[in-house]
Amino acid sequence: MHCRDVRSAVSARIDGEEPPPGVRAVAVETHLRGCPECGRWGERARRLRALAAVLDLG
């Protein structure tokens, strides 16, 4: 699985949306365990989403 696909799926998950077609949660989790860059990206995205919620930006 490519990083861009994982990041798309993580972004969808954070926003409460369905993952992109053909992307399985188990594949995303496996990739995240093995790719520190995507793990950090996901954590930053979650923090940004939480900050936006606190600031009522979406």
N, C-alpha and C. Protein backbone atom coordinates (compact mmCIF):
# COMPACT_ATOMS: atom_id res chain seq x y z
N MET A 1 0.85 -1.17 0.00
CA MET A 1 0.00 0.00 0.00
C MET A 1 0.89 1.24 0.00
N HIS A 2 0.51 2.22 -0.76
CA HIS A 2 1.29 3.46 -0.88
C HIS A 2 0.90 4.46 0.21
N CYS A 3 1.86 5.26 0.60
CA CYS A 3 1.63 6.27 1.65
C CYS A 3 0.45 7.18 1.30
N ARG A 4 0.35 7.59 0.06
CA ARG A 4 -0.74 8.53 -0.31
C ARG A 4 -2.11 7.89 -0.08
N ASP A 5 -2.22 6.57 -0.32
CA ASP A 5 -3.49 5.88 -0.11
C ASP A 5 -3.80 5.78 1.38
N VAL A 6 -2.77 5.49 2.16
CA VAL A 6 -2.95 5.39 3.61
C VAL A 6 -3.36 6.75 4.18
N ARG A 7 -2.69 7.78 3.74
CA ARG A 7 -3.00 9.12 4.26
C ARG A 7 -4.40 9.56 3.88
N SER A 8 -4.83 9.17 2.70
CA SER A 8 -6.21 9.46 2.27
C SER A 8 -7.21 8.74 3.18
N ALA A 9 -6.90 7.49 3.49
CA ALA A 9 -7.78 6.70 4.35
C ALA A 9 -7.80 7.24 5.77
N VAL A 10 -6.64 7.62 6.28
CA VAL A 10 -6.56 8.19 7.63
C VAL A 10 -7.33 9.51 7.68
N SER A 11 -7.18 10.33 6.68
CA SER A 11 -7.91 11.59 6.62
C SER A 11 -9.42 11.35 6.62
N ALA A 12 -9.86 10.40 5.83
CA ALA A 12 -11.29 10.07 5.79
C ALA A 12 -11.77 9.61 7.16
N ARG A 13 -10.98 8.75 7.79
CA ARG A 13 -11.35 8.23 9.12
C ARG A 13 -11.49 9.37 10.11
N ILE A 14 -10.53 10.28 10.12
CA ILE A 14 -10.55 11.42 11.05
C ILE A 14 -11.79 12.28 10.82
N ASP A 15 -12.18 12.42 9.57
CA ASP A 15 -13.34 13.24 9.22
C ASP A 15 -14.66 12.49 9.33
N GLY A 16 -14.61 11.21 9.73
CA GLY A 16 -15.83 10.42 9.88
C GLY A 16 -16.42 9.97 8.55
N GLU A 17 -15.56 9.89 7.54
CA GLU A 17 -16.01 9.49 6.20
C GLU A 17 -15.60 8.04 5.92
N GLU A 18 -16.17 7.50 4.87
CA GLU A 18 -15.80 6.16 4.41
C GLU A 18 -14.40 6.22 3.80
N PRO A 19 -13.66 5.12 3.92
CA PRO A 19 -12.33 5.10 3.27
C PRO A 19 -12.48 5.08 1.76
N PRO A 20 -11.42 5.43 1.06
CA PRO A 20 -11.46 5.35 -0.40
C PRO A 20 -11.79 3.93 -0.85
N PRO A 21 -12.40 3.78 -2.00
CA PRO A 21 -12.74 2.45 -2.50
C PRO A 21 -11.52 1.54 -2.57
N GLY A 22 -11.70 0.32 -2.12
CA GLY A 22 -10.65 -0.67 -2.19
C GLY A 22 -9.61 -0.60 -1.08
N VAL A 23 -9.74 0.35 -0.18
CA VAL A 23 -8.79 0.48 0.92
C VAL A 23 -9.38 -0.19 2.15
N ARG A 24 -8.67 -1.19 2.65
CA ARG A 24 -9.14 -1.94 3.82
C ARG A 24 -8.44 -1.45 5.08
N ALA A 25 -9.20 -1.38 6.16
CA ALA A 25 -8.68 -0.87 7.43
C ALA A 25 -7.47 -1.67 7.89
N VAL A 26 -7.49 -2.97 7.72
CA VAL A 26 -6.36 -3.79 8.17
C VAL A 26 -5.09 -3.45 7.40
N ALA A 27 -5.21 -3.14 6.13
CA ALA A 27 -4.04 -2.75 5.34
C ALA A 27 -3.51 -1.39 5.79
N VAL A 28 -4.41 -0.49 6.14
CA VAL A 28 -4.00 0.82 6.63
C VAL A 28 -3.25 0.67 7.96
N GLU A 29 -3.81 -0.11 8.87
CA GLU A 29 -3.18 -0.31 10.17
C GLU A 29 -1.82 -0.98 10.03
N THR A 30 -1.71 -1.95 9.15
CA THR A 30 -0.43 -2.62 8.90
C THR A 30 0.60 -1.62 8.39
N HIS A 31 0.19 -0.79 7.46
CA HIS A 31 1.10 0.22 6.90
C HIS A 31 1.53 1.19 7.99
N LEU A 32 0.59 1.65 8.80
CA LEU A 32 0.91 2.62 9.85
C LEU A 32 1.91 2.05 10.85
N ARG A 33 1.81 0.76 11.15
CA ARG A 33 2.77 0.14 12.07
C ARG A 33 4.17 0.09 11.49
N GLY A 34 4.27 0.02 10.18
CA GLY A 34 5.57 -0.11 9.54
C GLY A 34 6.12 1.16 8.92
N CYS A 35 5.36 2.24 8.95
CA CYS A 35 5.79 3.47 8.29
C CYS A 35 5.73 4.64 9.28
N PRO A 36 6.84 4.95 9.91
CA PRO A 36 6.83 6.04 10.89
C PRO A 36 6.38 7.38 10.32
N GLU A 37 6.69 7.64 9.06
CA GLU A 37 6.29 8.91 8.46
C GLU A 37 4.76 9.04 8.41
N CYS A 38 4.09 7.98 8.01
CA CYS A 38 2.62 8.02 7.95
C CYS A 38 2.03 8.07 9.35
N GLY A 39 2.66 7.39 10.29
CA GLY A 39 2.19 7.45 11.67
C GLY A 39 2.25 8.87 12.21
N ARG A 40 3.37 9.55 11.94
CA ARG A 40 3.49 10.95 12.39
C ARG A 40 2.49 11.84 11.65
N TRP A 41 2.32 11.59 10.37
CA TRP A 41 1.36 12.37 9.58
C TRP A 41 -0.05 12.22 10.17
N GLY A 42 -0.42 10.99 10.48
CA GLY A 42 -1.74 10.73 11.06
C GLY A 42 -1.93 11.41 12.40
N GLU A 43 -0.90 11.37 13.22
CA GLU A 43 -0.99 12.03 14.52
C GLU A 43 -1.14 13.53 14.36
N ARG A 44 -0.39 14.13 13.46
CA ARG A 44 -0.54 15.57 13.22
C ARG A 44 -1.93 15.91 12.68
N ALA A 45 -2.45 15.07 11.82
CA ALA A 45 -3.79 15.30 11.26
C ALA A 45 -4.85 15.21 12.36
N ARG A 46 -4.70 14.25 13.27
CA ARG A 46 -5.66 14.13 14.39
C ARG A 46 -5.59 15.35 15.29
N ARG A 47 -4.38 15.80 15.56
CA ARG A 47 -4.23 17.00 16.41
C ARG A 47 -4.83 18.23 15.75
N LEU A 48 -4.60 18.38 14.47
CA LEU A 48 -5.15 19.51 13.74
C LEU A 48 -6.68 19.48 13.76
N ARG A 49 -7.26 18.30 13.58
CA ARG A 49 -8.72 18.14 13.62
C ARG A 49 -9.26 18.51 15.00
N ALA A 50 -8.57 18.06 16.05
CA ALA A 50 -8.99 18.36 17.42
C ALA A 50 -8.89 19.87 17.69
N LEU A 51 -7.81 20.48 17.22
CA LEU A 51 -7.65 21.92 17.40
C LEU A 51 -8.75 22.68 16.64
N ALA A 52 -9.06 22.26 15.44
CA ALA A 52 -10.11 22.91 14.67
C ALA A 52 -11.46 22.80 15.38
N ALA A 53 -11.70 21.65 16.03
CA ALA A 53 -12.95 21.46 16.76
C ALA A 53 -13.01 22.40 17.96
N VAL A 54 -11.90 22.53 18.67
CA VAL A 54 -11.84 23.42 19.83
C VAL A 54 -12.06 24.86 19.42
N LEU A 55 -11.49 25.23 18.28
CA LEU A 55 -11.63 26.60 17.79
C LEU A 55 -12.88 26.80 16.98
N ASP A 56 -13.68 25.73 16.86
CA ASP A 56 -14.93 25.75 16.10
C ASP A 56 -14.71 26.13 14.64
N LEU A 57 -13.66 25.55 14.04
CA LEU A 57 -13.36 25.80 12.62
C LEU A 57 -13.85 24.66 11.74
N GLY A 58 -14.52 23.72 12.28
CA GLY A 58 -14.99 22.60 11.46
C GLY A 58 -14.84 21.37 12.14
